[in-house]
Amino acid sequence: MSDCKDNETLGVDLTALRVATAQEEARAGEDPRRHPLIGISSHPDYDKGESMQVTRTYVRAVILAGGIPVALPCEDGATDLVRPLLERVDGLLLTGGGDIDPEAFGGKTYEEWSKAEVAYVCRTRDDFEQALVNTAWEMDLPCLGICRGMQVMNVALGGRMVRDVSEQQGFVADLHLMEAPFTRPCHRVHVQEGSRLAQILGGCDLGVNSIHHQAISSPAAGGAITCHAVDGTPEGLEFPEKTFFLGVQWPPEINGDNPQLFEAFVEAARQRM
């Protein structure tokens, strides 16, 4: 797997909801309406193709931030259900996973000169998540993109990517595709002062983990790259015109070092309730 390898997955069943329910019971006396529903994008079982999965670390991060996680299935035909799905949730979490199919998004995902190989593609997922992003944008639904999720946000709204960070001058591939354990920082990023991301994280310089090989090359219209790695790789993307529409390239759900990112996201979702 290339972008944001999944370290622990759940089949798309009622497991996440059972966990959330148990958490709710532990918070006896709280108003359940204060816990927004967060739709989490799923990914296919790349080995057997018999299930759709959600990484448990995303589920945990949403619960700890006060949200109730709900898996969104990327099955054939699900694209037609995107609007009624998103009308039932308060926020959208776009997760990591495999590369984006070069033919998806109208064939305009990657720069024309970007020719590196892609792996673990799923056109069904790409089309579903394109519809998710576009509909969430229209609804001004709070949206958080992690790793591939940030990349999908960008290309769905007209931005471009490179198939591998090594294709851009000065970018260091080994810096971004770390070896296990993934719970430790492997490089530093600089967050633009005054940006939404800096306000959320409470600082402009931090160490992050990293499990990706693709990268944003140019932001979509209205999007701003507000965080970079030491080699210049884009690490944060935000759209200031929206209530909460941003993403990061590193996977903060794995090591739990940036809980405030999920807390800010869930709080934005709560404000819609």
C-alpha atoms as a PDB file:
ATOM      1  CA  MET A   1       0.000   0.000   0.000  1.00  0.00           C
ATOM      2  CA  SER A   2       1.294   3.409  -0.885  1.00  0.00           C
ATOM      3  CA  ASP A   3      -0.462   6.332   0.797  1.00  0.00           C
ATOM      4  CA  CYS A   4      -1.280   5.960   4.498  1.00  0.00           C
ATOM      5  CA  LYS A   5      -0.923   2.221   4.984  1.00  0.00           C
ATOM      6  CA  ASP A   6      -3.670   0.836   7.181  1.00  0.00           C
ATOM      7  CA  ASN A   7      -2.319  -0.850  10.290  1.00  0.00           C
ATOM      8  CA  GLU A   8      -5.575  -2.132  11.780  1.00  0.00           C
ATOM      9  CA  THR A   9      -8.914  -2.456  10.037  1.00  0.00           C
ATOM     10  CA  LEU A  10     -12.525  -3.262  10.751  1.00  0.00           C
ATOM     11  CA  GLY A  11     -14.977  -4.724   8.306  1.00  0.00           C
ATOM     12  CA  VAL A  12     -17.802  -2.330   7.524  1.00  0.00           C
ATOM     13  CA  ASP A  13     -20.368  -3.773   9.914  1.00  0.00           C
ATOM     14  CA  LEU A  14     -21.803  -2.405  13.122  1.00  0.00           C
ATOM     15  CA  THR A  15     -18.553  -2.667  15.102  1.00  0.00           C
ATOM     16  CA  ALA A  16     -17.803   1.059  15.047  1.00  0.00           C
ATOM     17  CA  LEU A  17     -21.333   1.845  16.146  1.00  0.00           C
ATOM     18  CA  ARG A  18     -21.128  -0.681  18.990  1.00  0.00           C
ATOM     19  CA  VAL A  19     -17.936   0.990  20.205  1.00  0.00           C
ATOM     20  CA  ALA A  20     -19.589   4.395  20.006  1.00  0.00           C
ATOM     21  CA  THR A  21     -22.649   3.112  21.849  1.00  0.00           C
ATOM     22  CA  ALA A  22     -20.488   1.733  24.658  1.00  0.00           C
ATOM     23  CA  GLN A  23     -18.757   5.094  24.877  1.00  0.00           C
ATOM     24  CA  GLU A  24     -22.128   6.815  25.058  1.00  0.00           C
ATOM     25  CA  GLU A  25     -23.251   4.565  27.898  1.00  0.00           C
ATOM     26  CA  ALA A  26     -20.077   5.431  29.784  1.00  0.00           C
ATOM     27  CA  ARG A  27     -21.060   9.085  29.506  1.00  0.00           C
ATOM     28  CA  ALA A  28     -24.381   8.617  31.278  1.00  0.00           C
ATOM     29  CA  GLY A  29     -26.119  11.880  31.936  1.00  0.00           C
ATOM     30  CA  GLU A  30     -24.706  13.687  28.893  1.00  0.00           C
ATOM     31  CA  ASP A  31     -27.010  14.951  26.172  1.00  0.00           C
ATOM     32  CA  PRO A  32     -26.522  12.481  23.274  1.00  0.00           C
ATOM     33  CA  ARG A  33     -27.363  15.235  20.819  1.00  0.00           C
ATOM     34  CA  ARG A  34     -24.024  16.819  21.668  1.00  0.00           C
ATOM     35  CA  HIS A  35     -22.173  14.003  19.903  1.00  0.00           C
ATOM     36  CA  PRO A  36     -22.204  14.601  16.139  1.00  0.00           C
ATOM     37  CA  LEU A  37     -22.290  11.766  13.610  1.00  0.00           C
ATOM     38  CA  ILE A  38     -19.047  11.602  11.641  1.00  0.00           C
ATOM     39  CA  GLY A  39     -19.109   9.772   8.313  1.00  0.00           C
ATOM     40  CA  ILE A  40     -15.800   7.965   7.713  1.00  0.00           C
ATOM     41  CA  SER A  41     -14.832   6.923   4.186  1.00  0.00           C
ATOM     42  CA  SER A  42     -14.022   3.239   3.825  1.00  0.00           C
ATOM     43  CA  HIS A  43     -11.568   1.383   1.611  1.00  0.00           C
ATOM     44  CA  PRO A  44     -11.670  -2.007  -0.114  1.00  0.00           C
ATOM     45  CA  ASP A  45     -10.016  -5.155   1.102  1.00  0.00           C
ATOM     46  CA  TYR A  46      -7.228  -5.088  -1.481  1.00  0.00           C
ATOM     47  CA  ASP A  47      -6.298  -8.756  -0.926  1.00  0.00           C
ATOM     48  CA  LYS A  48      -9.672 -10.462  -1.350  1.00  0.00           C
ATOM     49  CA  GLY A  49     -12.046  -7.695  -2.322  1.00  0.00           C
ATOM     50  CA  GLU A  50     -14.791  -9.180  -0.165  1.00  0.00           C
ATOM     51  CA  SER A  51     -15.253  -6.339   2.287  1.00  0.00           C
ATOM     52  CA  MET A  52     -15.022  -2.617   2.825  1.00  0.00           C
ATOM     53  CA  GLN A  53     -12.976  -1.538   5.812  1.00  0.00           C
ATOM     54  CA  VAL A  54     -12.370   1.344   8.182  1.00  0.00           C
ATOM     55  CA  THR A  55      -9.135   1.667  10.103  1.00  0.00           C
ATOM     56  CA  ARG A  56      -9.743   1.415  13.849  1.00  0.00           C
ATOM     57  CA  THR A  57      -7.456   4.338  14.647  1.00  0.00           C
ATOM     58  CA  TYR A  58      -9.855   6.710  12.849  1.00  0.00           C
ATOM     59  CA  VAL A  59     -12.744   5.292  14.849  1.00  0.00           C
ATOM     60  CA  ARG A  60     -10.872   5.813  18.115  1.00  0.00           C
ATOM     61  CA  ALA A  61      -9.836   9.355  17.207  1.00  0.00           C
ATOM     62  CA  VAL A  62     -13.418  10.362  16.412  1.00  0.00           C
ATOM     63  CA  ILE A  63     -14.766   8.828  19.625  1.00  0.00           C
ATOM     64  CA  LEU A  64     -12.095  10.467  21.779  1.00  0.00           C
ATOM     65  CA  ALA A  65     -12.945  13.817  20.174  1.00  0.00           C
ATOM     66  CA  GLY A  66     -16.597  13.384  21.120  1.00  0.00           C
ATOM     67  CA  GLY A  67     -18.058  12.205  17.820  1.00  0.00           C
ATOM     68  CA  ILE A  68     -19.941   9.069  16.819  1.00  0.00           C
ATOM     69  CA  PRO A  69     -18.259   7.289  13.873  1.00  0.00           C
ATOM     70  CA  VAL A  70     -20.301   5.906  10.979  1.00  0.00           C
ATOM     71  CA  ALA A  71     -18.717   3.983   8.087  1.00  0.00           C
ATOM     72  CA  LEU A  72     -19.535   5.108   4.546  1.00  0.00           C
ATOM     73  CA  PRO A  73     -19.359   2.192   2.036  1.00  0.00           C
ATOM     74  CA  CYS A  74     -17.592   2.732  -1.306  1.00  0.00           C
ATOM     75  CA  GLU A  75     -19.628   0.102  -3.128  1.00  0.00           C
ATOM     76  CA  ASP A  76     -20.765   0.194  -6.757  1.00  0.00           C
ATOM     77  CA  GLY A  77     -23.882   2.352  -6.884  1.00  0.00           C
ATOM     78  CA  ALA A  78     -23.126   4.158  -3.626  1.00  0.00           C
ATOM     79  CA  THR A  79     -22.267   7.351  -5.507  1.00  0.00           C
ATOM     80  CA  ASP A  80     -25.976   7.888  -6.155  1.00  0.00           C
ATOM     81  CA  LEU A  81     -26.574   7.785  -2.399  1.00  0.00           C
ATOM     82  CA  VAL A  82     -24.010  10.415  -1.429  1.00  0.00           C
ATOM     83  CA  ARG A  83     -26.391  13.314  -0.789  1.00  0.00           C
ATOM     84  CA  PRO A  84     -28.829  11.372   1.424  1.00  0.00           C
ATOM     85  CA  LEU A  85     -25.825   9.881   3.231  1.00  0.00           C
ATOM     86  CA  LEU A  86     -24.258  13.266   3.948  1.00  0.00           C
ATOM     87  CA  GLU A  87     -27.596  14.763   4.953  1.00  0.00           C
ATOM     88  CA  ARG A  88     -27.605  12.241   7.812  1.00  0.00           C
ATOM     89  CA  VAL A  89     -24.149  13.057   9.199  1.00  0.00           C
ATOM     90  CA  ASP A  90     -22.618  16.194  10.689  1.00  0.00           C
ATOM     91  CA  GLY A  91     -19.078  15.838   9.366  1.00  0.00           C
ATOM     92  CA  LEU A  92     -17.016  13.935   6.792  1.00  0.00           C
ATOM     93  CA  LEU A  93     -13.666  12.265   7.474  1.00  0.00           C
ATOM     94  CA  LEU A  94     -11.732  11.256   4.344  1.00  0.00           C
ATOM     95  CA  THR A  95      -9.224   8.549   5.190  1.00  0.00           C
ATOM     96  CA  GLY A  96      -5.911   7.296   3.820  1.00  0.00           C
ATOM     97  CA  GLY A  97      -5.289   4.316   1.561  1.00  0.00           C
ATOM     98  CA  GLY A  98      -4.117   3.368  -1.909  1.00  0.00           C
ATOM     99  CA  ASP A  99      -3.195   5.553  -4.869  1.00  0.00           C
ATOM    100  CA  ILE A 100      -5.745   7.393  -7.005  1.00  0.00           C
ATOM    101  CA  ASP A 101      -6.532   5.844 -10.402  1.00  0.00           C
ATOM    102  CA  PRO A 102      -5.002   8.013 -13.171  1.00  0.00           C
ATOM    103  CA  GLU A 103      -8.294   7.775 -15.088  1.00  0.00           C
ATOM    104  CA  ALA A 104     -10.364   9.056 -12.155  1.00  0.00           C
ATOM    105  CA  PHE A 105     -11.362  12.697 -11.726  1.00  0.00           C
ATOM    106  CA  GLY A 106     -11.641  13.133 -15.483  1.00  0.00           C
ATOM    107  CA  GLY A 107      -8.073  11.901 -15.995  1.00  0.00           C
ATOM    108  CA  LYS A 108      -6.740  15.121 -14.478  1.00  0.00           C
ATOM    109  CA  THR A 109      -5.449  13.821 -11.149  1.00  0.00           C
ATOM    110  CA  TYR A 110      -1.732  13.932 -11.946  1.00  0.00           C
ATOM    111  CA  GLU A 111       0.571  16.363 -13.689  1.00  0.00           C
ATOM    112  CA  GLU A 112       1.125  15.317 -17.316  1.00  0.00           C
ATOM    113  CA  TRP A 113       4.842  14.869 -16.689  1.00  0.00           C
ATOM    114  CA  SER A 114       4.262  12.636 -13.653  1.00  0.00           C
ATOM    115  CA  LYS A 115       4.823   9.047 -14.834  1.00  0.00           C
ATOM    116  CA  ALA A 116       5.691   6.967 -11.733  1.00  0.00           C
ATOM    117  CA  GLU A 117       3.771   3.749 -11.148  1.00  0.00           C
ATOM    118  CA  VAL A 118       0.640   3.715  -9.003  1.00  0.00           C
ATOM    119  CA  ALA A 119      -0.590   0.862  -6.822  1.00  0.00           C
ATOM    120  CA  TYR A 120      -3.652  -0.345  -4.928  1.00  0.00           C
ATOM    121  CA  VAL A 121      -6.057   1.734  -6.998  1.00  0.00           C
ATOM    122  CA  CYS A 122      -9.838   1.439  -6.680  1.00  0.00           C
ATOM    123  CA  ARG A 123     -11.881   3.419  -9.191  1.00  0.00           C
ATOM    124  CA  THR A 124     -15.078   2.752  -7.251  1.00  0.00           C
ATOM    125  CA  ARG A 125     -13.584   4.420  -4.208  1.00  0.00           C
ATOM    126  CA  ASP A 126     -12.230   7.328  -6.235  1.00  0.00           C
ATOM    127  CA  ASP A 127     -15.617   8.054  -7.819  1.00  0.00           C
ATOM    128  CA  PHE A 128     -17.423   7.725  -4.486  1.00  0.00           C
ATOM    129  CA  GLU A 129     -15.031  10.068  -2.704  1.00  0.00           C
ATOM    130  CA  GLN A 130     -15.178  12.584  -5.552  1.00  0.00           C
ATOM    131  CA  ALA A 131     -18.931  12.731  -5.037  1.00  0.00           C
ATOM    132  CA  LEU A 132     -18.436  12.979  -1.259  1.00  0.00           C
ATOM    133  CA  VAL A 133     -16.096  15.966  -1.570  1.00  0.00           C
ATOM    134  CA  ASN A 134     -18.184  17.824  -4.135  1.00  0.00           C
ATOM    135  CA  THR A 135     -21.400  17.340  -2.163  1.00  0.00           C
ATOM    136  CA  ALA A 136     -19.774  18.231   1.162  1.00  0.00           C
ATOM    137  CA  TRP A 137     -18.450  21.381  -0.500  1.00  0.00           C
ATOM    138  CA  GLU A 138     -21.930  22.361  -1.698  1.00  0.00           C
ATOM    139  CA  MET A 139     -23.378  21.701   1.755  1.00  0.00           C
ATOM    140  CA  ASP A 140     -20.508  23.394   3.607  1.00  0.00           C
ATOM    141  CA  LEU A 141     -20.256  20.177   5.612  1.00  0.00           C
ATOM    142  CA  PRO A 142     -17.184  20.092   7.893  1.00  0.00           C
ATOM    143  CA  CYS A 143     -14.582  17.926   6.195  1.00  0.00           C
ATOM    144  CA  LEU A 144     -11.212  16.621   7.389  1.00  0.00           C
ATOM    145  CA  GLY A 145      -8.877  14.824   4.976  1.00  0.00           C
ATOM    146  CA  ILE A 146      -6.043  12.611   6.181  1.00  0.00           C
ATOM    147  CA  CYS A 147      -3.162  11.653   3.844  1.00  0.00           C
ATOM    148  CA  ARG A 148      -4.898  10.322   0.700  1.00  0.00           C
ATOM    149  CA  GLY A 149      -7.992  12.101   2.003  1.00  0.00           C
ATOM    150  CA  MET A 150      -6.285  15.478   1.673  1.00  0.00           C
ATOM    151  CA  GLN A 151      -5.140  14.577  -1.824  1.00  0.00           C
ATOM    152  CA  VAL A 152      -8.683  13.577  -2.820  1.00  0.00           C
ATOM    153  CA  MET A 153     -10.033  16.886  -1.495  1.00  0.00           C
ATOM    154  CA  ASN A 154      -7.532  18.687  -3.671  1.00  0.00           C
ATOM    155  CA  VAL A 155      -8.061  16.853  -6.973  1.00  0.00           C
ATOM    156  CA  ALA A 156     -11.862  16.703  -6.554  1.00  0.00           C
ATOM    157  CA  LEU A 157     -11.842  20.505  -6.480  1.00  0.00           C
ATOM    158  CA  GLY A 158      -9.454  20.891  -9.425  1.00  0.00           C
ATOM    159  CA  GLY A 159      -5.945  20.609  -7.962  1.00  0.00           C
ATOM    160  CA  ARG A 160      -3.157  18.352  -9.209  1.00  0.00           C
ATOM    161  CA  MET A 161      -0.747  15.774  -7.784  1.00  0.00           C
ATOM    162  CA  VAL A 162       2.453  13.913  -8.560  1.00  0.00           C
ATOM    163  CA  ARG A 163       2.516  10.124  -8.521  1.00  0.00           C
ATOM    164  CA  ASP A 164       5.657  10.110  -6.397  1.00  0.00           C
ATOM    165  CA  VAL A 165       7.380  12.825  -4.365  1.00  0.00           C
ATOM    166  CA  SER A 166      10.697  11.940  -6.015  1.00  0.00           C
ATOM    167  CA  GLU A 167       9.379  13.446  -9.278  1.00  0.00           C
ATOM    168  CA  GLN A 168       9.565  16.953  -7.870  1.00  0.00           C
ATOM    169  CA  GLN A 169      12.963  18.593  -7.618  1.00  0.00           C
ATOM    170  CA  GLY A 170      14.271  18.759  -4.075  1.00  0.00           C
ATOM    171  CA  PHE A 171      11.694  16.386  -2.625  1.00  0.00           C
ATOM    172  CA  VAL A 172      13.074  13.415  -0.703  1.00  0.00           C
ATOM    173  CA  ALA A 173      11.006  10.217  -1.048  1.00  0.00           C
ATOM    174  CA  ASP A 174      12.661   8.399   1.868  1.00  0.00           C
ATOM    175  CA  LEU A 175      11.670  11.240   4.156  1.00  0.00           C
ATOM    176  CA  HIS A 176       7.966  10.484   3.720  1.00  0.00           C
ATOM    177  CA  LEU A 177       7.635   6.697   3.554  1.00  0.00           C
ATOM    178  CA  MET A 178       8.812   5.663   7.009  1.00  0.00           C
ATOM    179  CA  GLU A 179       9.215   2.144   8.325  1.00  0.00           C
ATOM    180  CA  ALA A 180       7.307   0.778  11.311  1.00  0.00           C
ATOM    181  CA  PRO A 181       6.627   1.647  14.047  1.00  0.00           C
ATOM    182  CA  PHE A 182       4.461   4.455  12.684  1.00  0.00           C
ATOM    183  CA  THR A 183       3.770   5.978  16.094  1.00  0.00           C
ATOM    184  CA  ARG A 184       6.943   8.073  16.114  1.00  0.00           C
ATOM    185  CA  PRO A 185       7.787  11.327  14.287  1.00  0.00           C
ATOM    186  CA  CYS A 186      10.123  10.939  11.303  1.00  0.00           C
ATOM    187  CA  HIS A 187      10.373  14.517  10.032  1.00  0.00           C
ATOM    188  CA  ARG A 188       9.302  18.038  10.890  1.00  0.00           C
ATOM    189  CA  VAL A 189       6.760  20.305   9.252  1.00  0.00           C
ATOM    190  CA  HIS A 190       6.298  24.061   9.323  1.00  0.00           C
ATOM    191  CA  VAL A 191       2.774  25.464   9.575  1.00  0.00           C
ATOM    192  CA  GLN A 192       2.023  28.906   8.179  1.00  0.00           C
ATOM    193  CA  GLU A 193       1.568  31.438  10.948  1.00  0.00           C
ATOM    194  CA  GLY A 194      -1.988  32.713  11.217  1.00  0.00           C
ATOM    195  CA  SER A 195      -3.461  29.784   9.302  1.00  0.00           C
ATOM    196  CA  ARG A 196      -6.433  27.773  10.559  1.00  0.00           C
ATOM    197  CA  LEU A 197      -4.120  24.793  10.960  1.00  0.00           C
ATOM    198  CA  ALA A 198      -1.680  26.779  13.121  1.00  0.00           C
ATOM    199  CA  GLN A 199      -4.543  27.972  15.306  1.00  0.00           C
ATOM    200  CA  ILE A 200      -5.764  24.409  15.773  1.00  0.00           C
ATOM    201  CA  LEU A 201      -2.365  22.836  16.435  1.00  0.00           C
ATOM    202  CA  GLY A 202      -1.222  25.662  18.669  1.00  0.00           C
ATOM    203  CA  GLY A 203       2.125  26.113  16.937  1.00  0.00           C
ATOM    204  CA  CYS A 204       3.993  26.359  13.677  1.00  0.00           C
ATOM    205  CA  ASP A 205       6.707  23.708  14.026  1.00  0.00           C
ATOM    206  CA  LEU A 206       6.131  20.083  14.903  1.00  0.00           C
ATOM    207  CA  GLY A 207       7.375  16.570  14.292  1.00  0.00           C
ATOM    208  CA  VAL A 208       5.059  14.178  12.413  1.00  0.00           C
ATOM    209  CA  ASN A 209       4.913  10.591  11.259  1.00  0.00           C
ATOM    210  CA  SER A 210       4.653   9.921   7.527  1.00  0.00           C
ATOM    211  CA  ILE A 211       3.451   7.007   5.368  1.00  0.00           C
ATOM    212  CA  HIS A 212       2.960   8.313   1.838  1.00  0.00           C
ATOM    213  CA  HIS A 213       4.740   8.536  -1.491  1.00  0.00           C
ATOM    214  CA  GLN A 214       2.402  10.798  -3.479  1.00  0.00           C
ATOM    215  CA  ALA A 215       1.975  14.528  -2.989  1.00  0.00           C
ATOM    216  CA  ILE A 216       0.015  17.598  -3.996  1.00  0.00           C
ATOM    217  CA  SER A 217       1.742  19.585  -6.722  1.00  0.00           C
ATOM    218  CA  SER A 218      -0.724  22.464  -7.107  1.00  0.00           C
ATOM    219  CA  PRO A 219      -3.686  23.399  -4.893  1.00  0.00           C
ATOM    220  CA  ALA A 220      -7.252  23.651  -6.119  1.00  0.00           C
ATOM    221  CA  ALA A 221      -8.759  27.099  -6.649  1.00  0.00           C
ATOM    222  CA  GLY A 222      -9.539  28.609  -3.269  1.00  0.00           C
ATOM    223  CA  GLY A 223      -7.211  26.179  -1.534  1.00  0.00           C
ATOM    224  CA  ALA A 224      -4.081  27.206   0.329  1.00  0.00           C
ATOM    225  CA  ILE A 225      -1.061  25.067   1.190  1.00  0.00           C
ATOM    226  CA  THR A 226      -0.450  26.144   4.769  1.00  0.00           C
ATOM    227  CA  CYS A 227       2.033  23.508   5.886  1.00  0.00           C
ATOM    228  CA  HIS A 228       5.224  22.112   4.332  1.00  0.00           C
ATOM    229  CA  ALA A 229       7.780  19.447   5.171  1.00  0.00           C
ATOM    230  CA  VAL A 230      11.442  20.408   5.362  1.00  0.00           C
ATOM    231  CA  ASP A 231      11.916  19.404   1.705  1.00  0.00           C
ATOM    232  CA  GLY A 232       8.985  21.541   0.562  1.00  0.00           C
ATOM    233  CA  THR A 233       6.387  18.777   0.248  1.00  0.00           C
ATOM    234  CA  PRO A 234       2.860  20.121   0.928  1.00  0.00           C
ATOM    235  CA  GLU A 235       1.637  18.786   4.274  1.00  0.00           C
ATOM    236  CA  GLY A 236      -1.462  20.869   4.953  1.00  0.00           C
ATOM    237  CA  LEU A 237      -4.320  22.169   2.802  1.00  0.00           C
ATOM    238  CA  GLU A 238      -7.199  24.413   3.803  1.00  0.00           C
ATOM    239  CA  PHE A 239     -10.059  26.253   2.144  1.00  0.00           C
ATOM    240  CA  PRO A 240     -10.672  29.457   4.134  1.00  0.00           C
ATOM    241  CA  GLU A 241     -14.047  30.212   2.533  1.00  0.00           C
ATOM    242  CA  LYS A 242     -15.610  27.139   4.144  1.00  0.00           C
ATOM    243  CA  THR A 243     -16.545  26.577   7.781  1.00  0.00           C
ATOM    244  CA  PHE A 244     -14.111  23.680   8.166  1.00  0.00           C
ATOM    245  CA  PHE A 245     -12.543  22.168   5.053  1.00  0.00           C
ATOM    246  CA  LEU A 246      -8.931  21.141   5.553  1.00  0.00           C
ATOM    247  CA  GLY A 247      -6.513  18.235   5.421  1.00  0.00           C
ATOM    248  CA  VAL A 248      -3.070  17.089   6.496  1.00  0.00           C
ATOM    249  CA  GLN A 249      -0.652  14.728   4.792  1.00  0.00           C
ATOM    250  CA  TRP A 250       0.539  12.894   7.901  1.00  0.00           C
ATOM    251  CA  PRO A 251      -1.661  10.353   9.770  1.00  0.00           C
ATOM    252  CA  PRO A 252      -2.244  11.915  13.231  1.00  0.00           C
ATOM    253  CA  GLU A 253      -4.776   9.231  14.167  1.00  0.00           C
ATOM    254  CA  ILE A 254      -2.010   6.629  14.484  1.00  0.00           C
ATOM    255  CA  ASN A 255       0.129   8.213  17.177  1.00  0.00           C
ATOM    256  CA  GLY A 256      -2.497  10.474  18.736  1.00  0.00           C
ATOM    257  CA  ASP A 257      -0.091  13.417  18.901  1.00  0.00           C
ATOM    258  CA  ASN A 258      -2.558  15.916  17.429  1.00  0.00           C
ATOM    259  CA  PRO A 259      -5.916  15.221  19.123  1.00  0.00           C
ATOM    260  CA  GLN A 260      -6.806  18.892  18.790  1.00  0.00           C
ATOM    261  CA  LEU A 261      -7.156  18.375  15.025  1.00  0.00           C
ATOM    262  CA  PHE A 262      -9.974  15.869  15.525  1.00  0.00           C
ATOM    263  CA  GLU A 263     -11.419  17.904  18.387  1.00  0.00           C
ATOM    264  CA  ALA A 264     -11.659  21.015  16.186  1.00  0.00           C
ATOM    265  CA  PHE A 265     -13.231  18.962  13.406  1.00  0.00           C
ATOM    266  CA  VAL A 266     -15.810  17.351  15.681  1.00  0.00           C
ATOM    267  CA  GLU A 267     -16.596  20.718  17.264  1.00  0.00           C
ATOM    268  CA  ALA A 268     -17.256  22.198  13.793  1.00  0.00           C
ATOM    269  CA  ALA A 269     -19.569  19.253  13.120  1.00  0.00           C
ATOM    270  CA  ARG A 270     -21.310  19.812  16.460  1.00  0.00           C
ATOM    271  CA  GLN A 271     -22.077  23.396  15.526  1.00  0.00           C
ATOM    272  CA  ARG A 272     -24.219  22.123  12.643  1.00  0.00           C
ATOM    273  CA  MET A 273     -26.486  20.086  14.904  1.00  0.00           C
END
